[in-house]
Amino acid sequence: MKNGDRPITIITGGSRGIGAATAVHLAQAGHDLALAYRKDDSAARETAAQAQAAGARCVLAKVDITLQDDVERLFSITASQVGMVTGVVNNAGVTAHIGDLADTPVEVIRRVIDVNFLGVILCARQASKVMSVRRGGRGGAIVNLSSAATLGSPHEYVHYAAAKAAVEALTVGLAKELANDQIRVNAVAPGTIRTAIHAAAGDAGRPDRVAANIPLGRAGEPGEVAPAIAWLLGPEASYVTGAVLRVAGGL
């Protein structure tokens, strides 16, 4: 496949977890990549190396997706170093705290909403500009990562679930808005997946602790979510837009 024919995909939160697994999977599927990350340089370089070993061109962008200037810089870096964007995976997310809403600091609530919702909106907005065929783009697809939107997550992080519900509403509305621009917009809603997000919130053992509540009886792995994201980005999902695909072991 010639470079000009390859999909070019941005992955936010691309250094670890679901983002890293998606990067490697897409590289193997013929995508060139831009991996956005906030602070873990070592993990970002390792993921990029794995993607490059699979044959992908891959650029790293250390950005804060809650800042408009950083989002614009992310897309500019991608265009200048890889090419015209055809796909965006809005994967970056954080829970930051586990507990009742009444016991959750306001600054944590703001950060969670900013990363999980505002960041998605800003990246989707920029993608709408650069991917639209009416604006000179190649068209393409956006995949947003939801999660606990329909569960509510009481006594854990209802503010996070609320932000993810907003992501699903954004997905449905934006899919309709961008249909004539040849941009499809969908979401993947993972369940409990073994990533560092649990440890970062102070509960590294959460995947095993909640496994009994999952119909399949176990937590999922990042590599089990990546193929769903890749499918929604690809030509086999050409008639799919405005959908939320649950990858949650039955939750």
C-alpha atoms as a PDB file:
ATOM      1  CA  MET A   1       0.000   0.000   0.000  1.00  0.00           C
ATOM      2  CA  LYS A   2       1.415   3.379  -0.992  1.00  0.00           C
ATOM      3  CA  ASN A   3       1.724   6.032   1.709  1.00  0.00           C
ATOM      4  CA  GLY A   4      -0.805   8.237  -0.059  1.00  0.00           C
ATOM      5  CA  ASP A   5      -3.385   5.437   0.083  1.00  0.00           C
ATOM      6  CA  ARG A   6      -2.936   4.664   3.773  1.00  0.00           C
ATOM      7  CA  PRO A   7      -5.430   5.896   6.375  1.00  0.00           C
ATOM      8  CA  ILE A   8      -3.918   8.469   8.730  1.00  0.00           C
ATOM      9  CA  THR A   9      -5.308   8.230  12.231  1.00  0.00           C
ATOM     10  CA  ILE A  10      -4.874  10.313  15.376  1.00  0.00           C
ATOM     11  CA  ILE A  11      -5.218   8.474  18.689  1.00  0.00           C
ATOM     12  CA  THR A  12      -5.531  10.515  21.866  1.00  0.00           C
ATOM     13  CA  GLY A  13      -4.257   8.827  25.000  1.00  0.00           C
ATOM     14  CA  GLY A  14      -2.180   6.806  22.566  1.00  0.00           C
ATOM     15  CA  SER A  15       0.715   5.857  24.815  1.00  0.00           C
ATOM     16  CA  ARG A  16      -0.885   3.210  27.037  1.00  0.00           C
ATOM     17  CA  GLY A  17      -3.844   0.912  27.587  1.00  0.00           C
ATOM     18  CA  ILE A  18      -6.577   0.862  24.962  1.00  0.00           C
ATOM     19  CA  GLY A  19      -4.863   3.644  23.025  1.00  0.00           C
ATOM     20  CA  ALA A  20      -1.604   1.713  22.729  1.00  0.00           C
ATOM     21  CA  ALA A  21      -3.353  -1.528  21.799  1.00  0.00           C
ATOM     22  CA  THR A  22      -5.339   0.357  19.154  1.00  0.00           C
ATOM     23  CA  ALA A  23      -2.178   1.939  17.769  1.00  0.00           C
ATOM     24  CA  VAL A  24      -0.501  -1.427  17.251  1.00  0.00           C
ATOM     25  CA  HIS A  25      -3.660  -2.971  15.805  1.00  0.00           C
ATOM     26  CA  LEU A  26      -4.154  -0.112  13.349  1.00  0.00           C
ATOM     27  CA  ALA A  27      -0.496  -0.162  12.357  1.00  0.00           C
ATOM     28  CA  GLN A  28      -0.844  -3.833  11.509  1.00  0.00           C
ATOM     29  CA  ALA A  29      -3.965  -2.972   9.504  1.00  0.00           C
ATOM     30  CA  GLY A  30      -2.107  -0.417   7.367  1.00  0.00           C
ATOM     31  CA  HIS A  31      -2.717   2.888   9.145  1.00  0.00           C
ATOM     32  CA  ASP A  32      -0.166   5.633   9.676  1.00  0.00           C
ATOM     33  CA  LEU A  33      -0.518   7.244  13.081  1.00  0.00           C
ATOM     34  CA  ALA A  34      -0.193  10.267  15.309  1.00  0.00           C
ATOM     35  CA  LEU A  35      -0.191   9.370  18.994  1.00  0.00           C
ATOM     36  CA  ALA A  36      -1.240  12.136  21.365  1.00  0.00           C
ATOM     37  CA  TYR A  37      -0.231  11.793  24.987  1.00  0.00           C
ATOM     38  CA  ARG A  38       0.148  14.069  27.997  1.00  0.00           C
ATOM     39  CA  LYS A  39       3.096  12.981  30.140  1.00  0.00           C
ATOM     40  CA  ASP A  40       4.482   9.424  29.811  1.00  0.00           C
ATOM     41  CA  ASP A  41       7.322   9.890  27.314  1.00  0.00           C
ATOM     42  CA  SER A  42       8.711   6.383  27.786  1.00  0.00           C
ATOM     43  CA  ALA A  43       5.389   4.642  27.168  1.00  0.00           C
ATOM     44  CA  ALA A  44       4.716   6.849  24.146  1.00  0.00           C
ATOM     45  CA  ARG A  45       8.078   6.008  22.590  1.00  0.00           C
ATOM     46  CA  GLU A  46       7.555   2.295  23.236  1.00  0.00           C
ATOM     47  CA  THR A  47       4.120   2.314  21.595  1.00  0.00           C
ATOM     48  CA  ALA A  48       5.447   4.296  18.630  1.00  0.00           C
ATOM     49  CA  ALA A  49       8.277   1.787  18.210  1.00  0.00           C
ATOM     50  CA  GLN A  50       5.793  -1.094  18.144  1.00  0.00           C
ATOM     51  CA  ALA A  51       3.676   0.702  15.548  1.00  0.00           C
ATOM     52  CA  GLN A  52       6.727   1.427  13.415  1.00  0.00           C
ATOM     53  CA  ALA A  53       7.827  -2.195  13.677  1.00  0.00           C
ATOM     54  CA  ALA A  54       4.449  -3.102  12.198  1.00  0.00           C
ATOM     55  CA  GLY A  55       5.176  -0.872   9.192  1.00  0.00           C
ATOM     56  CA  ALA A  56       3.452   2.366  10.173  1.00  0.00           C
ATOM     57  CA  ARG A  57       4.738   5.883  10.035  1.00  0.00           C
ATOM     58  CA  CYS A  58       4.131   7.206  13.537  1.00  0.00           C
ATOM     59  CA  VAL A  59       4.595  10.642  15.081  1.00  0.00           C
ATOM     60  CA  LEU A  60       4.262  11.577  18.740  1.00  0.00           C
ATOM     61  CA  ALA A  61       2.559  14.736  19.999  1.00  0.00           C
ATOM     62  CA  LYS A  62       2.767  15.686  23.666  1.00  0.00           C
ATOM     63  CA  VAL A  63      -0.385  17.754  24.162  1.00  0.00           C
ATOM     64  CA  ASP A  64      -3.210  18.557  26.553  1.00  0.00           C
ATOM     65  CA  ILE A  65      -6.432  17.865  24.669  1.00  0.00           C
ATOM     66  CA  THR A  66      -8.399  20.173  26.983  1.00  0.00           C
ATOM     67  CA  LEU A  67      -6.600  23.148  25.411  1.00  0.00           C
ATOM     68  CA  GLN A  68      -7.713  24.363  21.983  1.00  0.00           C
ATOM     69  CA  ASP A  69      -4.218  25.488  20.978  1.00  0.00           C
ATOM     70  CA  ASP A  70      -2.797  22.062  21.812  1.00  0.00           C
ATOM     71  CA  VAL A  71      -5.512  20.310  19.813  1.00  0.00           C
ATOM     72  CA  GLU A  72      -4.816  22.516  16.806  1.00  0.00           C
ATOM     73  CA  ARG A  73      -1.104  21.780  17.209  1.00  0.00           C
ATOM     74  CA  LEU A  74      -1.814  18.045  17.297  1.00  0.00           C
ATOM     75  CA  PHE A  75      -3.622  18.184  13.964  1.00  0.00           C
ATOM     76  CA  SER A  76      -0.979  20.468  12.479  1.00  0.00           C
ATOM     77  CA  ILE A  77       1.827  18.087  13.502  1.00  0.00           C
ATOM     78  CA  THR A  78      -0.060  15.189  11.974  1.00  0.00           C
ATOM     79  CA  ALA A  79      -0.675  16.996   8.689  1.00  0.00           C
ATOM     80  CA  SER A  80       2.905  18.194   8.336  1.00  0.00           C
ATOM     81  CA  GLN A  81       4.677  15.004   9.394  1.00  0.00           C
ATOM     82  CA  VAL A  82       2.307  12.219   8.349  1.00  0.00           C
ATOM     83  CA  GLY A  83      -0.393  13.601   6.053  1.00  0.00           C
ATOM     84  CA  MET A  84      -4.051  14.560   5.789  1.00  0.00           C
ATOM     85  CA  VAL A  85      -6.034  13.051   8.651  1.00  0.00           C
ATOM     86  CA  THR A  86      -8.707  10.463   7.842  1.00  0.00           C
ATOM     87  CA  GLY A  87      -9.472   9.126  11.308  1.00  0.00           C
ATOM     88  CA  VAL A  88      -9.578  10.198  14.943  1.00  0.00           C
ATOM     89  CA  VAL A  89      -9.851   7.959  17.985  1.00  0.00           C
ATOM     90  CA  ASN A  90     -10.903  10.026  21.001  1.00  0.00           C
ATOM     91  CA  ASN A  91      -9.534   7.636  23.594  1.00  0.00           C
ATOM     92  CA  ALA A  92      -7.917   9.820  26.283  1.00  0.00           C
ATOM     93  CA  GLY A  93      -9.747   9.468  29.571  1.00  0.00           C
ATOM     94  CA  VAL A  94      -9.384   9.666  33.323  1.00  0.00           C
ATOM     95  CA  THR A  95     -11.447   8.768  36.394  1.00  0.00           C
ATOM     96  CA  ALA A  96      -8.933  10.220  38.907  1.00  0.00           C
ATOM     97  CA  HIS A  97     -10.942   9.323  42.020  1.00  0.00           C
ATOM     98  CA  ILE A  98     -13.263   6.607  43.269  1.00  0.00           C
ATOM     99  CA  GLY A  99     -15.999   7.433  45.767  1.00  0.00           C
ATOM    100  CA  ASP A 100     -19.352   9.101  46.272  1.00  0.00           C
ATOM    101  CA  LEU A 101     -19.925  12.365  44.448  1.00  0.00           C
ATOM    102  CA  ALA A 102     -20.258  14.177  47.780  1.00  0.00           C
ATOM    103  CA  ASP A 103     -16.706  13.137  48.653  1.00  0.00           C
ATOM    104  CA  THR A 104     -15.174  13.967  45.272  1.00  0.00           C
ATOM    105  CA  PRO A 105     -13.193  17.233  45.176  1.00  0.00           C
ATOM    106  CA  VAL A 106     -14.550  19.831  42.762  1.00  0.00           C
ATOM    107  CA  GLU A 107     -11.171  20.149  41.053  1.00  0.00           C
ATOM    108  CA  VAL A 108     -11.270  16.408  40.325  1.00  0.00           C
ATOM    109  CA  ILE A 109     -14.765  16.702  38.873  1.00  0.00           C
ATOM    110  CA  ARG A 110     -13.635  19.555  36.614  1.00  0.00           C
ATOM    111  CA  ARG A 111     -10.583  17.639  35.419  1.00  0.00           C
ATOM    112  CA  VAL A 112     -12.602  14.494  34.685  1.00  0.00           C
ATOM    113  CA  ILE A 113     -15.220  16.402  32.703  1.00  0.00           C
ATOM    114  CA  ASP A 114     -12.559  18.407  30.882  1.00  0.00           C
ATOM    115  CA  VAL A 115     -10.605  15.344  29.751  1.00  0.00           C
ATOM    116  CA  ASN A 116     -13.492  12.982  29.083  1.00  0.00           C
ATOM    117  CA  PHE A 117     -15.869  15.419  27.431  1.00  0.00           C
ATOM    118  CA  LEU A 118     -14.346  18.802  26.592  1.00  0.00           C
ATOM    119  CA  GLY A 119     -11.260  17.125  25.131  1.00  0.00           C
ATOM    120  CA  VAL A 120     -13.432  14.913  22.950  1.00  0.00           C
ATOM    121  CA  ILE A 121     -15.448  17.894  21.741  1.00  0.00           C
ATOM    122  CA  LEU A 122     -12.342  19.913  20.886  1.00  0.00           C
ATOM    123  CA  CYS A 123     -10.754  17.030  18.964  1.00  0.00           C
ATOM    124  CA  ALA A 124     -14.020  16.208  17.190  1.00  0.00           C
ATOM    125  CA  ARG A 125     -14.456  19.878  16.296  1.00  0.00           C
ATOM    126  CA  GLN A 126     -10.990  20.060  14.763  1.00  0.00           C
ATOM    127  CA  ALA A 127     -11.521  16.760  12.963  1.00  0.00           C
ATOM    128  CA  SER A 128     -14.738  18.171  11.521  1.00  0.00           C
ATOM    129  CA  LYS A 129     -12.746  21.030  10.045  1.00  0.00           C
ATOM    130  CA  VAL A 130      -9.867  19.097   8.522  1.00  0.00           C
ATOM    131  CA  MET A 131     -11.617  15.900   7.400  1.00  0.00           C
ATOM    132  CA  SER A 132     -14.731  17.367   5.758  1.00  0.00           C
ATOM    133  CA  VAL A 133     -14.767  16.907   1.983  1.00  0.00           C
ATOM    134  CA  ARG A 134     -16.621  20.224   1.715  1.00  0.00           C
ATOM    135  CA  ARG A 135     -13.635  21.901   3.367  1.00  0.00           C
ATOM    136  CA  GLY A 136     -11.006  20.095   1.294  1.00  0.00           C
ATOM    137  CA  GLY A 137     -10.502  16.998   3.454  1.00  0.00           C
ATOM    138  CA  ARG A 138     -10.557  13.324   2.521  1.00  0.00           C
ATOM    139  CA  GLY A 139     -13.542  12.382   4.676  1.00  0.00           C
ATOM    140  CA  GLY A 140     -13.115   9.621   7.203  1.00  0.00           C
ATOM    141  CA  ALA A 141     -14.282   8.483  10.611  1.00  0.00           C
ATOM    142  CA  ILE A 142     -14.279   9.523  14.249  1.00  0.00           C
ATOM    143  CA  VAL A 143     -14.491   6.947  17.029  1.00  0.00           C
ATOM    144  CA  ASN A 144     -15.208   8.237  20.524  1.00  0.00           C
ATOM    145  CA  LEU A 145     -14.571   6.146  23.621  1.00  0.00           C
ATOM    146  CA  SER A 146     -17.513   5.988  25.964  1.00  0.00           C
ATOM    147  CA  SER A 147     -17.712   3.712  29.001  1.00  0.00           C
ATOM    148  CA  ALA A 148     -20.113   3.838  31.927  1.00  0.00           C
ATOM    149  CA  ALA A 149     -22.742   6.069  30.344  1.00  0.00           C
ATOM    150  CA  THR A 150     -25.663   3.679  30.852  1.00  0.00           C
ATOM    151  CA  LEU A 151     -24.497   2.334  34.225  1.00  0.00           C
ATOM    152  CA  GLY A 152     -24.186   5.561  36.205  1.00  0.00           C
ATOM    153  CA  SER A 153     -21.327   4.185  38.357  1.00  0.00           C
ATOM    154  CA  PRO A 154     -22.839   4.965  41.783  1.00  0.00           C
ATOM    155  CA  HIS A 155     -20.357   5.117  44.672  1.00  0.00           C
ATOM    156  CA  GLU A 156     -17.485   5.160  42.184  1.00  0.00           C
ATOM    157  CA  TYR A 157     -17.587   8.065  39.720  1.00  0.00           C
ATOM    158  CA  VAL A 158     -20.988   9.309  38.647  1.00  0.00           C
ATOM    159  CA  HIS A 159     -19.370  12.457  37.225  1.00  0.00           C
ATOM    160  CA  TYR A 160     -17.256  10.274  34.897  1.00  0.00           C
ATOM    161  CA  ALA A 161     -20.336   8.311  33.792  1.00  0.00           C
ATOM    162  CA  ALA A 162     -22.150  11.585  33.149  1.00  0.00           C
ATOM    163  CA  ALA A 163     -19.271  12.819  30.988  1.00  0.00           C
ATOM    164  CA  LYS A 164     -19.369   9.579  29.006  1.00  0.00           C
ATOM    165  CA  ALA A 165     -23.136   9.941  28.538  1.00  0.00           C
ATOM    166  CA  ALA A 166     -22.418  13.347  27.052  1.00  0.00           C
ATOM    167  CA  VAL A 167     -19.897  11.712  24.699  1.00  0.00           C
ATOM    168  CA  GLU A 168     -22.610   9.338  23.471  1.00  0.00           C
ATOM    169  CA  ALA A 169     -24.996  12.251  22.873  1.00  0.00           C
ATOM    170  CA  LEU A 170     -22.229  14.050  20.991  1.00  0.00           C
ATOM    171  CA  THR A 171     -21.664  10.945  18.884  1.00  0.00           C
ATOM    172  CA  VAL A 172     -25.287  10.717  17.792  1.00  0.00           C
ATOM    173  CA  GLY A 173     -25.667  14.416  17.018  1.00  0.00           C
ATOM    174  CA  LEU A 174     -22.336  14.853  15.273  1.00  0.00           C
ATOM    175  CA  ALA A 175     -22.914  11.761  13.145  1.00  0.00           C
ATOM    176  CA  LYS A 176     -26.001  13.433  11.706  1.00  0.00           C
ATOM    177  CA  GLU A 177     -24.275  16.792  11.355  1.00  0.00           C
ATOM    178  CA  LEU A 178     -21.274  15.411   9.458  1.00  0.00           C
ATOM    179  CA  ALA A 179     -22.970  12.814   7.258  1.00  0.00           C
ATOM    180  CA  ASN A 180     -22.858  15.085   4.199  1.00  0.00           C
ATOM    181  CA  ASP A 181     -19.195  15.802   4.886  1.00  0.00           C
ATOM    182  CA  GLN A 182     -18.415  12.093   4.418  1.00  0.00           C
ATOM    183  CA  ILE A 183     -17.366  11.744   8.045  1.00  0.00           C
ATOM    184  CA  ARG A 184     -18.815   8.893  10.066  1.00  0.00           C
ATOM    185  CA  VAL A 185     -18.995   9.262  13.862  1.00  0.00           C
ATOM    186  CA  ASN A 186     -19.383   6.299  16.191  1.00  0.00           C
ATOM    187  CA  ALA A 187     -18.482   5.288  19.725  1.00  0.00           C
ATOM    188  CA  VAL A 188     -17.089   2.233  21.466  1.00  0.00           C
ATOM    189  CA  ALA A 189     -18.154   1.680  25.069  1.00  0.00           C
ATOM    190  CA  PRO A 190     -15.682  -0.578  26.879  1.00  0.00           C
ATOM    191  CA  GLY A 191     -16.546  -2.178  30.179  1.00  0.00           C
ATOM    192  CA  THR A 192     -13.986  -2.914  32.866  1.00  0.00           C
ATOM    193  CA  ILE A 193     -10.664  -3.208  31.057  1.00  0.00           C
ATOM    194  CA  ARG A 194      -7.256  -3.930  32.583  1.00  0.00           C
ATOM    195  CA  THR A 195      -5.526  -0.577  32.123  1.00  0.00           C
ATOM    196  CA  ALA A 196      -3.674   1.870  34.343  1.00  0.00           C
ATOM    197  CA  ILE A 197      -6.781   4.025  34.757  1.00  0.00           C
ATOM    198  CA  HIS A 198      -7.742   2.041  37.877  1.00  0.00           C
ATOM    199  CA  ALA A 199      -4.399   2.463  39.625  1.00  0.00           C
ATOM    200  CA  ALA A 200      -4.389   6.148  38.714  1.00  0.00           C
ATOM    201  CA  ALA A 201      -7.682   6.483  40.595  1.00  0.00           C
ATOM    202  CA  GLY A 202      -6.233   4.679  43.627  1.00  0.00           C
ATOM    203  CA  ASP A 203      -7.778   1.238  43.089  1.00  0.00           C
ATOM    204  CA  ALA A 204      -5.390  -0.945  41.088  1.00  0.00           C
ATOM    205  CA  GLY A 205      -7.291  -4.094  42.041  1.00  0.00           C
ATOM    206  CA  ARG A 206     -10.657  -2.872  40.772  1.00  0.00           C
ATOM    207  CA  PRO A 207     -10.797  -5.112  37.647  1.00  0.00           C
ATOM    208  CA  ASP A 208     -10.593  -8.257  39.791  1.00  0.00           C
ATOM    209  CA  ARG A 209     -12.821  -6.807  42.506  1.00  0.00           C
ATOM    210  CA  VAL A 210     -15.730  -6.151  40.129  1.00  0.00           C
ATOM    211  CA  ALA A 211     -15.251  -9.198  37.899  1.00  0.00           C
ATOM    212  CA  ALA A 212     -18.073 -11.076  39.601  1.00  0.00           C
ATOM    213  CA  ASN A 213     -20.538  -8.436  38.361  1.00  0.00           C
ATOM    214  CA  ILE A 214     -19.538  -8.960  34.727  1.00  0.00           C
ATOM    215  CA  PRO A 215     -21.635 -11.590  32.897  1.00  0.00           C
ATOM    216  CA  LEU A 216     -18.540 -13.073  31.211  1.00  0.00           C
ATOM    217  CA  GLY A 217     -16.928 -13.292  34.640  1.00  0.00           C
ATOM    218  CA  ARG A 218     -13.738 -11.365  33.967  1.00  0.00           C
ATOM    219  CA  ALA A 219     -12.305  -7.997  33.093  1.00  0.00           C
ATOM    220  CA  GLY A 220     -11.389  -7.331  29.473  1.00  0.00           C
ATOM    221  CA  GLU A 221      -8.007  -6.661  27.911  1.00  0.00           C
ATOM    222  CA  PRO A 222      -7.088  -3.601  25.804  1.00  0.00           C
ATOM    223  CA  GLY A 223      -6.480  -5.859  22.810  1.00  0.00           C
ATOM    224  CA  GLU A 224     -10.126  -6.953  22.939  1.00  0.00           C
ATOM    225  CA  VAL A 225     -11.320  -3.365  22.455  1.00  0.00           C
ATOM    226  CA  ALA A 226      -8.916  -2.339  19.690  1.00  0.00           C
ATOM    227  CA  PRO A 227     -10.511  -4.470  16.919  1.00  0.00           C
ATOM    228  CA  ALA A 228     -13.900  -2.845  17.522  1.00  0.00           C
ATOM    229  CA  ILE A 229     -12.355   0.598  17.135  1.00  0.00           C
ATOM    230  CA  ALA A 230     -10.526  -0.503  13.995  1.00  0.00           C
ATOM    231  CA  TRP A 231     -13.713  -1.910  12.475  1.00  0.00           C
ATOM    232  CA  LEU A 232     -15.606   1.331  12.999  1.00  0.00           C
ATOM    233  CA  LEU A 233     -12.775   3.252  11.341  1.00  0.00           C
ATOM    234  CA  GLY A 234     -12.618   0.952   8.349  1.00  0.00           C
ATOM    235  CA  PRO A 235     -14.500   0.388   5.098  1.00  0.00           C
ATOM    236  CA  GLU A 236     -16.439  -2.602   6.430  1.00  0.00           C
ATOM    237  CA  ALA A 237     -18.358  -0.137   8.635  1.00  0.00           C
ATOM    238  CA  SER A 238     -19.134   2.205   5.711  1.00  0.00           C
ATOM    239  CA  TYR A 239     -22.869   2.243   6.531  1.00  0.00           C
ATOM    240  CA  VAL A 240     -22.409   2.649  10.297  1.00  0.00           C
ATOM    241  CA  THR A 241     -22.674   6.085  11.861  1.00  0.00           C
ATOM    242  CA  GLY A 242     -24.197   7.337  15.086  1.00  0.00           C
ATOM    243  CA  ALA A 243     -23.767   3.929  16.724  1.00  0.00           C
ATOM    244  CA  VAL A 244     -22.430   2.957  20.146  1.00  0.00           C
ATOM    245  CA  LEU A 245     -20.732  -0.438  20.141  1.00  0.00           C
ATOM    246  CA  ARG A 246     -20.511  -1.969  23.603  1.00  0.00           C
ATOM    247  CA  VAL A 247     -17.435  -4.080  24.340  1.00  0.00           C
ATOM    248  CA  ALA A 248     -18.126  -4.866  27.961  1.00  0.00           C
ATOM    249  CA  GLY A 249     -18.427  -8.583  28.596  1.00  0.00           C
ATOM    250  CA  GLY A 250     -22.212  -8.289  28.878  1.00  0.00           C
ATOM    251  CA  LEU A 251     -22.435  -5.305  31.226  1.00  0.00           C
END
